[in-house]
PDB file of all heavy atoms in Angstrom:
ATOM      1  N   ARG A   1       0.831  -1.194   0.000  1.00  0.00           N
ATOM      2  CA  ARG A   1       0.000   0.000   0.000  1.00  0.00           C
ATOM      3  C   ARG A   1       0.872   1.252   0.000  1.00  0.00           C
ATOM      4  O   ARG A   1       2.030   1.222   0.370  1.00  0.00           O
ATOM      5  CB  ARG A   1      -0.920  -0.002   1.232  1.00  0.00           C
ATOM      6  CG  ARG A   1      -1.851  -1.210   1.286  1.00  0.00           C
ATOM      7  CD  ARG A   1      -2.561  -1.291   2.624  1.00  0.00           C
ATOM      8  NE  ARG A   1      -3.370  -2.503   2.710  1.00  0.00           N
ATOM      9  CZ  ARG A   1      -4.644  -2.571   2.378  1.00  0.00           C
ATOM     10  NH1 ARG A   1      -5.260  -1.491   1.939  1.00  0.00           N
ATOM     11  NH2 ARG A   1      -5.309  -3.709   2.476  1.00  0.00           N
ATOM     12  N   GLY A   2       0.291   2.382  -0.412  1.00  0.00           N
ATOM     13  CA  GLY A   2       1.009   3.630  -0.272  1.00  0.00           C
ATOM     14  C   GLY A   2       1.079   4.478  -1.517  1.00  0.00           C
ATOM     15  O   GLY A   2       1.751   5.494  -1.526  1.00  0.00           O
ATOM     16  N   GLY A   3       0.412   4.169  -2.604  1.00  0.00           N
ATOM     17  CA  GLY A   3       0.472   4.968  -3.820  1.00  0.00           C
ATOM     18  C   GLY A   3       0.229   4.087  -5.035  1.00  0.00           C
ATOM     19  O   GLY A   3       0.406   2.869  -4.984  1.00  0.00           O
ATOM     20  N   TRP A   4      -0.178   4.702  -6.125  1.00  0.00           N
ATOM     21  CA  TRP A   4      -0.449   3.951  -7.351  1.00  0.00           C
ATOM     22  C   TRP A   4       0.864   3.402  -7.931  1.00  0.00           C
ATOM     23  O   TRP A   4       1.884   4.073  -7.938  1.00  0.00           O
ATOM     24  CB  TRP A   4      -1.108   4.855  -8.369  1.00  0.00           C
ATOM     25  CG  TRP A   4      -2.551   5.131  -8.102  1.00  0.00           C
ATOM     26  CD1 TRP A   4      -3.065   6.095  -7.284  1.00  0.00           C
ATOM     27  CD2 TRP A   4      -3.671   4.432  -8.655  1.00  0.00           C
ATOM     28  NE1 TRP A   4      -4.438   6.050  -7.285  1.00  0.00           N
ATOM     29  CE2 TRP A   4      -4.844   5.032  -8.128  1.00  0.00           C
ATOM     30  CE3 TRP A   4      -3.806   3.363  -9.533  1.00  0.00           C
ATOM     31  CZ2 TRP A   4      -6.120   4.604  -8.454  1.00  0.00           C
ATOM     32  CZ3 TRP A   4      -5.073   2.932  -9.872  1.00  0.00           C
ATOM     33  CH2 TRP A   4      -6.221   3.534  -9.343  1.00  0.00           C
ATOM     34  N   GLN A   5       0.792   2.182  -8.452  1.00  0.00           N
ATOM     35  CA  GLN A   5       1.915   1.575  -9.161  1.00  0.00           C
ATOM     36  C   GLN A   5       1.421   1.146 -10.541  1.00  0.00           C
ATOM     37  O   GLN A   5       0.324   0.615 -10.677  1.00  0.00           O
ATOM     38  CB  GLN A   5       2.460   0.370  -8.410  1.00  0.00           C
ATOM     39  CG  GLN A   5       2.978   0.693  -7.012  1.00  0.00           C
ATOM     40  CD  GLN A   5       3.463  -0.554  -6.312  1.00  0.00           C
ATOM     41  OE1 GLN A   5       4.451  -1.154  -6.701  1.00  0.00           O
ATOM     42  NE2 GLN A   5       2.752  -0.961  -5.270  1.00  0.00           N
ATOM     43  N   PHE A   6       2.255   1.389 -11.545  1.00  0.00           N
ATOM     44  CA  PHE A   6       1.864   1.080 -12.915  1.00  0.00           C
ATOM     45  C   PHE A   6       2.966   0.280 -13.612  1.00  0.00           C
ATOM     46  O   PHE A   6       4.145   0.638 -13.549  1.00  0.00           O
ATOM     47  CB  PHE A   6       1.602   2.369 -13.705  1.00  0.00           C
ATOM     48  CG  PHE A   6       0.476   3.198 -13.155  1.00  0.00           C
ATOM     49  CD1 PHE A   6       0.749   4.277 -12.319  1.00  0.00           C
ATOM     50  CD2 PHE A   6      -0.843   2.902 -13.455  1.00  0.00           C
ATOM     51  CE1 PHE A   6      -0.279   5.049 -11.805  1.00  0.00           C
ATOM     52  CE2 PHE A   6      -1.875   3.663 -12.939  1.00  0.00           C
ATOM     53  CZ  PHE A   6      -1.598   4.741 -12.119  1.00  0.00           C
ATOM     54  N   TRP A   7       2.540  -0.787 -14.252  1.00  0.00           N
ATOM     55  CA  TRP A   7       3.419  -1.566 -15.134  1.00  0.00           C
ATOM     56  C   TRP A   7       2.863  -1.430 -16.534  1.00  0.00           C
ATOM     57  O   TRP A   7       1.690  -1.746 -16.776  1.00  0.00           O
ATOM     58  CB  TRP A   7       3.446  -3.036 -14.718  1.00  0.00           C
ATOM     59  CG  TRP A   7       4.237  -3.306 -13.487  1.00  0.00           C
ATOM     60  CD1 TRP A   7       5.532  -3.740 -13.418  1.00  0.00           C
ATOM     61  CD2 TRP A   7       3.787  -3.200 -12.134  1.00  0.00           C
ATOM     62  NE1 TRP A   7       5.913  -3.893 -12.101  1.00  0.00           N
ATOM     63  CE2 TRP A   7       4.860  -3.570 -11.295  1.00  0.00           C
ATOM     64  CE3 TRP A   7       2.579  -2.822 -11.537  1.00  0.00           C
ATOM     65  CZ2 TRP A   7       4.763  -3.576  -9.912  1.00  0.00           C
ATOM     66  CZ3 TRP A   7       2.482  -2.823 -10.165  1.00  0.00           C
ATOM     67  CH2 TRP A   7       3.560  -3.194  -9.358  1.00  0.00           C
ATOM     68  N   ILE A   8       3.691  -0.965 -17.466  1.00  0.00           N
ATOM     69  CA  ILE A   8       3.192  -0.614 -18.798  1.00  0.00           C
ATOM     70  C   ILE A   8       4.024  -1.300 -19.880  1.00  0.00           C
ATOM     71  O   ILE A   8       5.252  -1.256 -19.855  1.00  0.00           O
ATOM     72  CB  ILE A   8       3.232   0.914 -19.000  1.00  0.00           C
ATOM     73  CG1 ILE A   8       2.392   1.605 -17.917  1.00  0.00           C
ATOM     74  CG2 ILE A   8       2.745   1.290 -20.392  1.00  0.00           C
ATOM     75  CD1 ILE A   8       2.516   3.115 -17.904  1.00  0.00           C
ATOM     76  N   ASP A   9       3.313  -1.916 -20.832  1.00  0.00           N
ATOM     77  CA  ASP A   9       3.952  -2.500 -22.015  1.00  0.00           C
ATOM     78  C   ASP A   9       3.517  -1.660 -23.200  1.00  0.00           C
ATOM     79  O   ASP A   9       2.393  -1.776 -23.680  1.00  0.00           O
ATOM     80  CB  ASP A   9       3.533  -3.964 -22.181  1.00  0.00           C
ATOM     81  CG  ASP A   9       4.127  -4.588 -23.437  1.00  0.00           C
ATOM     82  OD1 ASP A   9       5.056  -3.988 -24.006  1.00  0.00           O
ATOM     83  OD2 ASP A   9       3.655  -5.668 -23.842  1.00  0.00           O
ATOM     84  N   ARG A  10       4.427  -0.817 -23.657  1.00  0.00           N
ATOM     85  CA  ARG A  10       4.111   0.092 -24.753  1.00  0.00           C
ATOM     86  C   ARG A  10       4.567  -0.552 -26.056  1.00  0.00           C
ATOM     87  O   ARG A  10       5.740  -0.509 -26.414  1.00  0.00           O
ATOM     88  CB  ARG A  10       4.807   1.438 -24.517  1.00  0.00           C
ATOM     89  CG  ARG A  10       4.224   2.620 -25.283  1.00  0.00           C
ATOM     90  CD  ARG A  10       4.652   2.649 -26.716  1.00  0.00           C
ATOM     91  NE  ARG A  10       4.286   3.894 -27.386  1.00  0.00           N
ATOM     92  CZ  ARG A  10       4.431   4.105 -28.687  1.00  0.00           C
ATOM     93  NH1 ARG A  10       4.915   3.157 -29.469  1.00  0.00           N
ATOM     94  NH2 ARG A  10       4.068   5.260 -29.215  1.00  0.00           N
ATOM     95  N   GLY A  11       3.635  -1.188 -26.774  1.00  0.00           N
ATOM     96  CA  GLY A  11       3.953  -1.844 -28.029  1.00  0.00           C
ATOM     97  C   GLY A  11       3.782  -0.918 -29.214  1.00  0.00           C
ATOM     98  O   GLY A  11       3.409   0.253 -29.079  1.00  0.00           O
ATOM     99  N   GLY A  12       4.044  -1.442 -30.404  1.00  0.00           N
ATOM    100  CA  GLY A  12       3.901  -0.634 -31.605  1.00  0.00           C
ATOM    101  C   GLY A  12       2.452  -0.386 -31.968  1.00  0.00           C
ATOM    102  O   GLY A  12       2.126   0.619 -32.601  1.00  0.00           O
ATOM    103  N   THR A  13       1.555  -1.293 -31.572  1.00  0.00           N
ATOM    104  CA  THR A  13       0.143  -1.164 -31.918  1.00  0.00           C
ATOM    105  C   THR A  13      -0.718  -0.938 -30.687  1.00  0.00           C
ATOM    106  O   THR A  13      -1.541  -0.033 -30.645  1.00  0.00           O
ATOM    107  CB  THR A  13      -0.336  -2.422 -32.666  1.00  0.00           C
ATOM    108  OG1 THR A  13       0.501  -2.639 -33.801  1.00  0.00           O
ATOM    109  CG2 THR A  13      -1.772  -2.255 -33.117  1.00  0.00           C
ATOM    110  N   PHE A  14      -0.539  -1.760 -29.652  1.00  0.00           N
ATOM    111  CA  PHE A  14      -1.315  -1.636 -28.428  1.00  0.00           C
ATOM    112  C   PHE A  14      -0.405  -1.337 -27.243  1.00  0.00           C
ATOM    113  O   PHE A  14       0.764  -1.730 -27.226  1.00  0.00           O
ATOM    114  CB  PHE A  14      -2.103  -2.917 -28.133  1.00  0.00           C
ATOM    115  CG  PHE A  14      -3.302  -3.113 -29.017  1.00  0.00           C
ATOM    116  CD1 PHE A  14      -3.303  -4.075 -30.009  1.00  0.00           C
ATOM    117  CD2 PHE A  14      -4.440  -2.336 -28.849  1.00  0.00           C
ATOM    118  CE1 PHE A  14      -4.403  -4.261 -30.833  1.00  0.00           C
ATOM    119  CE2 PHE A  14      -5.547  -2.513 -29.661  1.00  0.00           C
ATOM    120  CZ  PHE A  14      -5.533  -3.477 -30.658  1.00  0.00           C
ATOM    121  N   THR A  15      -0.972  -0.658 -26.266  1.00  0.00           N
ATOM    122  CA  THR A  15      -0.294  -0.422 -24.991  1.00  0.00           C
ATOM    123  C   THR A  15      -1.137  -1.027 -23.883  1.00  0.00           C
ATOM    124  O   THR A  15      -2.344  -0.772 -23.806  1.00  0.00           O
ATOM    125  CB  THR A  15      -0.099   1.080 -24.737  1.00  0.00           C
ATOM    126  OG1 THR A  15       0.851   1.594 -25.679  1.00  0.00           O
ATOM    127  CG2 THR A  15       0.411   1.342 -23.325  1.00  0.00           C
ATOM    128  N   ASP A  16      -0.517  -1.852 -23.052  1.00  0.00           N
ATOM    129  CA  ASP A  16      -1.201  -2.486 -21.923  1.00  0.00           C
ATOM    130  C   ASP A  16      -0.711  -1.866 -20.626  1.00  0.00           C
ATOM    131  O   ASP A  16       0.501  -1.737 -20.407  1.00  0.00           O
ATOM    132  CB  ASP A  16      -0.926  -3.989 -21.915  1.00  0.00           C
ATOM    133  CG  ASP A  16      -1.504  -4.679 -23.141  1.00  0.00           C
ATOM    134  OD1 ASP A  16      -2.733  -4.846 -23.179  1.00  0.00           O
ATOM    135  OD2 ASP A  16      -0.737  -5.022 -24.057  1.00  0.00           O
ATOM    136  N   ILE A  17      -1.650  -1.493 -19.767  1.00  0.00           N
ATOM    137  CA  ILE A  17      -1.320  -0.894 -18.473  1.00  0.00           C
ATOM    138  C   ILE A  17      -1.903  -1.762 -17.366  1.00  0.00           C
ATOM    139  O   ILE A  17      -3.111  -2.020 -17.351  1.00  0.00           O
ATOM    140  CB  ILE A  17      -1.869   0.542 -18.341  1.00  0.00           C
ATOM    141  CG1 ILE A  17      -1.356   1.425 -19.487  1.00  0.00           C
ATOM    142  CG2 ILE A  17      -1.469   1.152 -17.003  1.00  0.00           C
ATOM    143  CD1 ILE A  17      -2.377   1.721 -20.534  1.00  0.00           C
ATOM    144  N   VAL A  18      -1.044  -2.224 -16.475  1.00  0.00           N
ATOM    145  CA  VAL A  18      -1.489  -2.942 -15.280  1.00  0.00           C
ATOM    146  C   VAL A  18      -1.267  -2.007 -14.095  1.00  0.00           C
ATOM    147  O   VAL A  18      -0.170  -1.474 -13.924  1.00  0.00           O
ATOM    148  CB  VAL A  18      -0.701  -4.249 -15.081  1.00  0.00           C
ATOM    149  CG1 VAL A  18      -1.111  -4.922 -13.775  1.00  0.00           C
ATOM    150  CG2 VAL A  18      -0.941  -5.188 -16.257  1.00  0.00           C
ATOM    151  N   ALA A  19      -2.315  -1.805 -13.302  1.00  0.00           N
ATOM    152  CA  ALA A  19      -2.240  -0.862 -12.188  1.00  0.00           C
ATOM    153  C   ALA A  19      -2.541  -1.562 -10.873  1.00  0.00           C
ATOM    154  O   ALA A  19      -3.364  -2.481 -10.820  1.00  0.00           O
ATOM    155  CB  ALA A  19      -3.230   0.289 -12.396  1.00  0.00           C
ATOM    156  N   VAL A  20      -1.846  -1.112  -9.835  1.00  0.00           N
ATOM    157  CA  VAL A  20      -2.162  -1.531  -8.474  1.00  0.00           C
ATOM    158  C   VAL A  20      -2.547  -0.271  -7.707  1.00  0.00           C
ATOM    159  O   VAL A  20      -1.774   0.687  -7.633  1.00  0.00           O
ATOM    160  CB  VAL A  20      -0.970  -2.234  -7.795  1.00  0.00           C
ATOM    161  CG1 VAL A  20      -1.307  -2.552  -6.343  1.00  0.00           C
ATOM    162  CG2 VAL A  20      -0.608  -3.507  -8.535  1.00  0.00           C
ATOM    163  N   THR A  21      -3.757  -0.258  -7.167  1.00  0.00           N
ATOM    164  CA  THR A  21      -4.251   0.907  -6.439  1.00  0.00           C
ATOM    165  C   THR A  21      -3.525   1.042  -5.110  1.00  0.00           C
ATOM    166  O   THR A  21      -2.870   0.106  -4.644  1.00  0.00           O
ATOM    167  CB  THR A  21      -5.758   0.771  -6.178  1.00  0.00           C
ATOM    168  OG1 THR A  21      -5.964  -0.272  -5.215  1.00  0.00           O
ATOM    169  CG2 THR A  21      -6.517   0.437  -7.459  1.00  0.00           C
ATOM    170  N   PRO A  22      -3.644   2.204  -4.442  1.00  0.00           N
ATOM    171  CA  PRO A  22      -3.030   2.354  -3.115  1.00  0.00           C
ATOM    172  C   PRO A  22      -3.532   1.325  -2.109  1.00  0.00           C
ATOM    173  O   PRO A  22      -2.836   1.011  -1.140  1.00  0.00           O
ATOM    174  CB  PRO A  22      -3.440   3.776  -2.706  1.00  0.00           C
ATOM    175  CG  PRO A  22      -3.613   4.505  -3.995  1.00  0.00           C
ATOM    176  CD  PRO A  22      -4.182   3.483  -4.944  1.00  0.00           C
ATOM    177  N   GLU A  23      -4.733   0.767  -2.346  1.00  0.00           N
ATOM    178  CA  GLU A  23      -5.283  -0.257  -1.446  1.00  0.00           C
ATOM    179  C   GLU A  23      -4.849  -1.667  -1.820  1.00  0.00           C
ATOM    180  O   GLU A  23      -5.186  -2.620  -1.136  1.00  0.00           O
ATOM    181  CB  GLU A  23      -6.817  -0.184  -1.464  1.00  0.00           C
ATOM    182  CG  GLU A  23      -7.401   1.128  -0.943  1.00  0.00           C
ATOM    183  CD  GLU A  23      -7.269   2.257  -1.950  1.00  0.00           C
ATOM    184  OE1 GLU A  23      -7.304   1.968  -3.171  1.00  0.00           O
ATOM    185  OE2 GLU A  23      -7.112   3.416  -1.506  1.00  0.00           O
ATOM    186  N   GLY A  24      -4.108  -1.784  -2.938  1.00  0.00           N
ATOM    187  CA  GLY A  24      -3.601  -3.087  -3.326  1.00  0.00           C
ATOM    188  C   GLY A  24      -4.447  -3.838  -4.338  1.00  0.00           C
ATOM    189  O   GLY A  24      -4.182  -5.004  -4.617  1.00  0.00           O
ATOM    190  N   ARG A  25      -5.467  -3.196  -4.909  1.00  0.00           N
ATOM    191  CA  ARG A  25      -6.294  -3.867  -5.908  1.00  0.00           C
ATOM    192  C   ARG A  25      -5.607  -3.835  -7.273  1.00  0.00           C
ATOM    193  O   ARG A  25      -4.977  -2.839  -7.645  1.00  0.00           O
ATOM    194  CB  ARG A  25      -7.672  -3.212  -6.006  1.00  0.00           C
ATOM    195  CG  ARG A  25      -8.533  -3.396  -4.766  1.00  0.00           C
ATOM    196  CD  ARG A  25      -9.977  -2.975  -5.037  1.00  0.00           C
ATOM    197  NE  ARG A  25     -10.058  -1.602  -5.517  1.00  0.00           N
ATOM    198  CZ  ARG A  25     -10.149  -0.542  -4.731  1.00  0.00           C
ATOM    199  NH1 ARG A  25     -10.156  -0.703  -3.400  1.00  0.00           N
ATOM    200  NH2 ARG A  25     -10.229   0.672  -5.236  1.00  0.00           N
ATOM    201  N   LEU A  26      -5.799  -4.917  -8.039  1.00  0.00           N
ATOM    202  CA  LEU A  26      -5.163  -5.068  -9.347  1.00  0.00           C
ATOM    203  C   LEU A  26      -6.169  -4.780 -10.449  1.00  0.00           C
ATOM    204  O   LEU A  26      -7.308  -5.237 -10.400  1.00  0.00           O
ATOM    205  CB  LEU A  26      -4.625  -6.494  -9.496  1.00  0.00           C
ATOM    206  CG  LEU A  26      -3.757  -6.808 -10.708  1.00  0.00           C
ATOM    207  CD1 LEU A  26      -2.433  -6.069 -10.599  1.00  0.00           C
ATOM    208  CD2 LEU A  26      -3.514  -8.314 -10.792  1.00  0.00           C
ATOM    209  N   SER A  27      -5.748  -3.991 -11.457  1.00  0.00           N
ATOM    210  CA  SER A  27      -6.624  -3.680 -12.581  1.00  0.00           C
ATOM    211  C   SER A  27      -5.778  -3.546 -13.840  1.00  0.00           C
ATOM    212  O   SER A  27      -4.557  -3.397 -13.761  1.00  0.00           O
ATOM    213  CB  SER A  27      -7.398  -2.380 -12.320  1.00  0.00           C
ATOM    214  OG  SER A  27      -8.355  -2.159 -13.325  1.00  0.00           O
ATOM    215  N   ALA A  28      -6.436  -3.601 -15.010  1.00  0.00           N
ATOM    216  CA  ALA A  28      -5.691  -3.538 -16.269  1.00  0.00           C
ATOM    217  C   ALA A  28      -6.495  -2.789 -17.323  1.00  0.00           C
ATOM    218  O   ALA A  28      -7.721  -2.676 -17.250  1.00  0.00           O
ATOM    219  CB  ALA A  28      -5.372  -4.941 -16.769  1.00  0.00           C
ATOM    220  N   LEU A  29      -5.783  -2.258 -18.326  1.00  0.00           N
ATOM    221  CA  LEU A  29      -6.397  -1.475 -19.392  1.00  0.00           C
ATOM    222  C   LEU A  29      -5.568  -1.635 -20.651  1.00  0.00           C
ATOM    223  O   LEU A  29      -4.339  -1.696 -20.602  1.00  0.00           O
ATOM    224  CB  LEU A  29      -6.448   0.007 -18.979  1.00  0.00           C
ATOM    225  CG  LEU A  29      -6.960   1.020 -20.005  1.00  0.00           C
ATOM    226  CD1 LEU A  29      -8.440   0.793 -20.281  1.00  0.00           C
ATOM    227  CD2 LEU A  29      -6.736   2.442 -19.499  1.00  0.00           C
ATOM    228  N   LYS A  30      -6.250  -1.720 -21.806  1.00  0.00           N
ATOM    229  CA  LYS A  30      -5.573  -1.807 -23.104  1.00  0.00           C
ATOM    230  C   LYS A  30      -5.998  -0.624 -23.954  1.00  0.00           C
ATOM    231  O   LYS A  30      -7.187  -0.321 -24.076  1.00  0.00           O
ATOM    232  CB  LYS A  30      -5.931  -3.112 -23.811  1.00  0.00           C
ATOM    233  CG  LYS A  30      -5.257  -3.272 -25.174  1.00  0.00           C
ATOM    234  CD  LYS A  30      -5.731  -4.525 -25.883  1.00  0.00           C
ATOM    235  CE  LYS A  30      -5.145  -5.776 -25.279  1.00  0.00           C
ATOM    236  NZ  LYS A  30      -3.700  -5.942 -25.587  1.00  0.00           N
ATOM    237  N   LEU A  31      -5.005   0.066 -24.549  1.00  0.00           N
ATOM    238  CA  LEU A  31      -5.266   1.211 -25.414  1.00  0.00           C
ATOM    239  C   LEU A  31      -4.464   1.084 -26.707  1.00  0.00           C
ATOM    240  O   LEU A  31      -3.430   0.399 -26.744  1.00  0.00           O
ATOM    241  CB  LEU A  31      -4.868   2.522 -24.720  1.00  0.00           C
ATOM    242  CG  LEU A  31      -5.625   2.927 -23.465  1.00  0.00           C
ATOM    243  CD1 LEU A  31      -4.963   4.149 -22.832  1.00  0.00           C
ATOM    244  CD2 LEU A  31      -7.080   3.227 -23.793  1.00  0.00           C
ATOM    245  N   LEU A  32      -4.919   1.757 -27.750  1.00  0.00           N
ATOM    246  CA  LEU A  32      -4.117   1.879 -28.954  1.00  0.00           C
ATOM    247  C   LEU A  32      -2.880   2.718 -28.645  1.00  0.00           C
ATOM    248  O   LEU A  32      -2.980   3.750 -27.990  1.00  0.00           O
ATOM    249  CB  LEU A  32      -4.921   2.548 -30.064  1.00  0.00           C
ATOM    250  CG  LEU A  32      -6.033   1.708 -30.711  1.00  0.00           C
ATOM    251  CD1 LEU A  32      -6.915   2.608 -31.572  1.00  0.00           C
ATOM    252  CD2 LEU A  32      -5.448   0.598 -31.548  1.00  0.00           C
ATOM    253  N   SER A  33      -1.717   2.271 -29.124  1.00  0.00           N
ATOM    254  CA  SER A  33      -0.492   3.021 -28.827  1.00  0.00           C
ATOM    255  C   SER A  33      -0.491   4.393 -29.475  1.00  0.00           C
ATOM    256  O   SER A  33       0.031   5.356 -28.911  1.00  0.00           O
ATOM    257  CB  SER A  33       0.734   2.219 -29.290  1.00  0.00           C
ATOM    258  OG  SER A  33       0.913   1.078 -28.480  1.00  0.00           O
ATOM    259  N   ALA A  34      -1.047   4.489 -30.665  1.00  0.00           N
ATOM    260  CA  ALA A  34      -1.105   5.783 -31.352  1.00  0.00           C
ATOM    261  C   ALA A  34      -2.546   6.075 -31.729  1.00  0.00           C
ATOM    262  O   ALA A  34      -3.130   5.373 -32.548  1.00  0.00           O
ATOM    263  CB  ALA A  34      -0.217   5.769 -32.599  1.00  0.00           C
ATOM    264  N   ALA A  35      -3.104   7.085 -31.118  1.00  0.00           N
ATOM    265  CA  ALA A  35      -4.457   7.547 -31.440  1.00  0.00           C
ATOM    266  C   ALA A  35      -4.471   9.062 -31.295  1.00  0.00           C
ATOM    267  O   ALA A  35      -5.035   9.606 -30.343  1.00  0.00           O
ATOM    268  CB  ALA A  35      -5.485   6.886 -30.527  1.00  0.00           C
ATOM    269  N   PRO A  36      -3.817   9.778 -32.211  1.00  0.00           N
ATOM    270  CA  PRO A  36      -3.657  11.225 -32.060  1.00  0.00           C
ATOM    271  C   PRO A  36      -4.972  11.984 -31.991  1.00  0.00           C
ATOM    272  O   PRO A  36      -5.013  13.098 -31.472  1.00  0.00           O
ATOM    273  CB  PRO A  36      -2.839  11.621 -33.304  1.00  0.00           C
ATOM    274  CG  PRO A  36      -3.005  10.483 -34.259  1.00  0.00           C
ATOM    275  CD  PRO A  36      -3.171   9.268 -33.425  1.00  0.00           C
ATOM    276  N   HIS A  37      -6.046  11.390 -32.503  1.00  0.00           N
ATOM    277  CA  HIS A  37      -7.341  12.056 -32.428  1.00  0.00           C
ATOM    278  C   HIS A  37      -7.945  11.956 -31.035  1.00  0.00           C
ATOM    279  O   HIS A  37      -8.936  12.623 -30.727  1.00  0.00           O
ATOM    280  CB  HIS A  37      -8.302  11.445 -33.450  1.00  0.00           C
ATOM    281  CG  HIS A  37      -8.520   9.970 -33.280  1.00  0.00           C
ATOM    282  ND1 HIS A  37      -7.490   9.050 -33.422  1.00  0.00           N
ATOM    283  CD2 HIS A  37      -9.636   9.261 -32.970  1.00  0.00           C
ATOM    284  CE1 HIS A  37      -7.973   7.835 -33.218  1.00  0.00           C
ATOM    285  NE2 HIS A  37      -9.262   7.931 -32.936  1.00  0.00           N
ATOM    286  N   LEU A  38      -7.324  11.106 -30.174  1.00  0.00           N
ATOM    287  CA  LEU A  38      -7.844  10.917 -28.817  1.00  0.00           C
ATOM    288  C   LEU A  38      -6.860  11.351 -27.736  1.00  0.00           C
ATOM    289  O   LEU A  38      -7.251  11.964 -26.743  1.00  0.00           O
ATOM    290  CB  LEU A  38      -8.217   9.448 -28.594  1.00  0.00           C
ATOM    291  CG  LEU A  38      -9.358   8.888 -29.442  1.00  0.00           C
ATOM    292  CD1 LEU A  38      -9.482   7.398 -29.235  1.00  0.00           C
ATOM    293  CD2 LEU A  38     -10.664   9.596 -29.110  1.00  0.00           C
ATOM    294  N   TYR A  39      -5.570  11.038 -27.909  1.00  0.00           N
ATOM    295  CA  TYR A  39      -4.568  11.358 -26.892  1.00  0.00           C
ATOM    296  C   TYR A  39      -3.179  11.344 -27.519  1.00  0.00           C
ATOM    297  O   TYR A  39      -2.963  10.768 -28.590  1.00  0.00           O
ATOM    298  CB  TYR A  39      -4.632  10.368 -25.722  1.00  0.00           C
ATOM    299  CG  TYR A  39      -4.781   8.919 -26.135  1.00  0.00           C
ATOM    300  CD1 TYR A  39      -3.691   8.177 -26.589  1.00  0.00           C
ATOM    301  CD2 TYR A  39      -6.019   8.288 -26.060  1.00  0.00           C
ATOM    302  CE1 TYR A  39      -3.829   6.849 -26.973  1.00  0.00           C
ATOM    303  CE2 TYR A  39      -6.169   6.960 -26.437  1.00  0.00           C
ATOM    304  CZ  TYR A  39      -5.067   6.244 -26.886  1.00  0.00           C
ATOM    305  OH  TYR A  39      -5.210   4.930 -27.277  1.00  0.00           O
ATOM    306  N   ALA A  40      -2.224  11.979 -26.832  1.00  0.00           N
ATOM    307  CA  ALA A  40      -0.860  12.093 -27.354  1.00  0.00           C
ATOM    308  C   ALA A  40      -0.039  10.846 -27.075  1.00  0.00           C
ATOM    309  O   ALA A  40       0.791  10.437 -27.901  1.00  0.00           O
ATOM    310  CB  ALA A  40      -0.172  13.318 -26.766  1.00  0.00           C
ATOM    311  N   ASP A  41      -0.239  10.226 -25.915  1.00  0.00           N
ATOM    312  CA  ASP A  41       0.556   9.053 -25.538  1.00  0.00           C
ATOM    313  C   ASP A  41      -0.323   8.085 -24.764  1.00  0.00           C
ATOM    314  O   ASP A  41      -1.016   8.478 -23.811  1.00  0.00           O
ATOM    315  CB  ASP A  41       1.759   9.472 -24.688  1.00  0.00           C
ATOM    316  CG  ASP A  41       2.515   8.275 -24.145  1.00  0.00           C
ATOM    317  OD1 ASP A  41       3.068   7.505 -24.960  1.00  0.00           O
ATOM    318  OD2 ASP A  41       2.538   8.100 -22.917  1.00  0.00           O
ATOM    319  N   ALA A  42      -0.285   6.804 -25.158  1.00  0.00           N
ATOM    320  CA  ALA A  42      -1.173   5.818 -24.544  1.00  0.00           C
ATOM    321  C   ALA A  42      -0.795   5.525 -23.097  1.00  0.00           C
ATOM    322  O   ALA A  42      -1.678   5.320 -22.249  1.00  0.00           O
ATOM    323  CB  ALA A  42      -1.149   4.529 -25.364  1.00  0.00           C
ATOM    324  N   ALA A  43       0.496   5.478 -22.793  1.00  0.00           N
ATOM    325  CA  ALA A  43       0.931   5.131 -21.437  1.00  0.00           C
ATOM    326  C   ALA A  43       0.433   6.153 -20.417  1.00  0.00           C
ATOM    327  O   ALA A  43      -0.180   5.803 -19.401  1.00  0.00           O
ATOM    328  CB  ALA A  43       2.453   5.021 -21.378  1.00  0.00           C
ATOM    329  N   THR A  44       0.677   7.421 -20.700  1.00  0.00           N
ATOM    330  CA  THR A  44       0.249   8.454 -19.756  1.00  0.00           C
ATOM    331  C   THR A  44      -1.267   8.625 -19.771  1.00  0.00           C
ATOM    332  O   THR A  44      -1.871   8.960 -18.743  1.00  0.00           O
ATOM    333  CB  THR A  44       0.941   9.784 -20.064  1.00  0.00           C
ATOM    334  OG1 THR A  44       0.772  10.097 -21.465  1.00  0.00           O
ATOM    335  CG2 THR A  44       2.429   9.703 -19.764  1.00  0.00           C
TER     336      THR A  44
END
């Protein structure tokens, strides 16, 4: 516990983000690595 932790795999097509909340819960998210019409960088 004590703060958000992020493990990120930034691929050429998809970016996968695994997060651990400050309470220790595990969650995940998949985004397109390049989607300039939506965001500048998938990881952030």
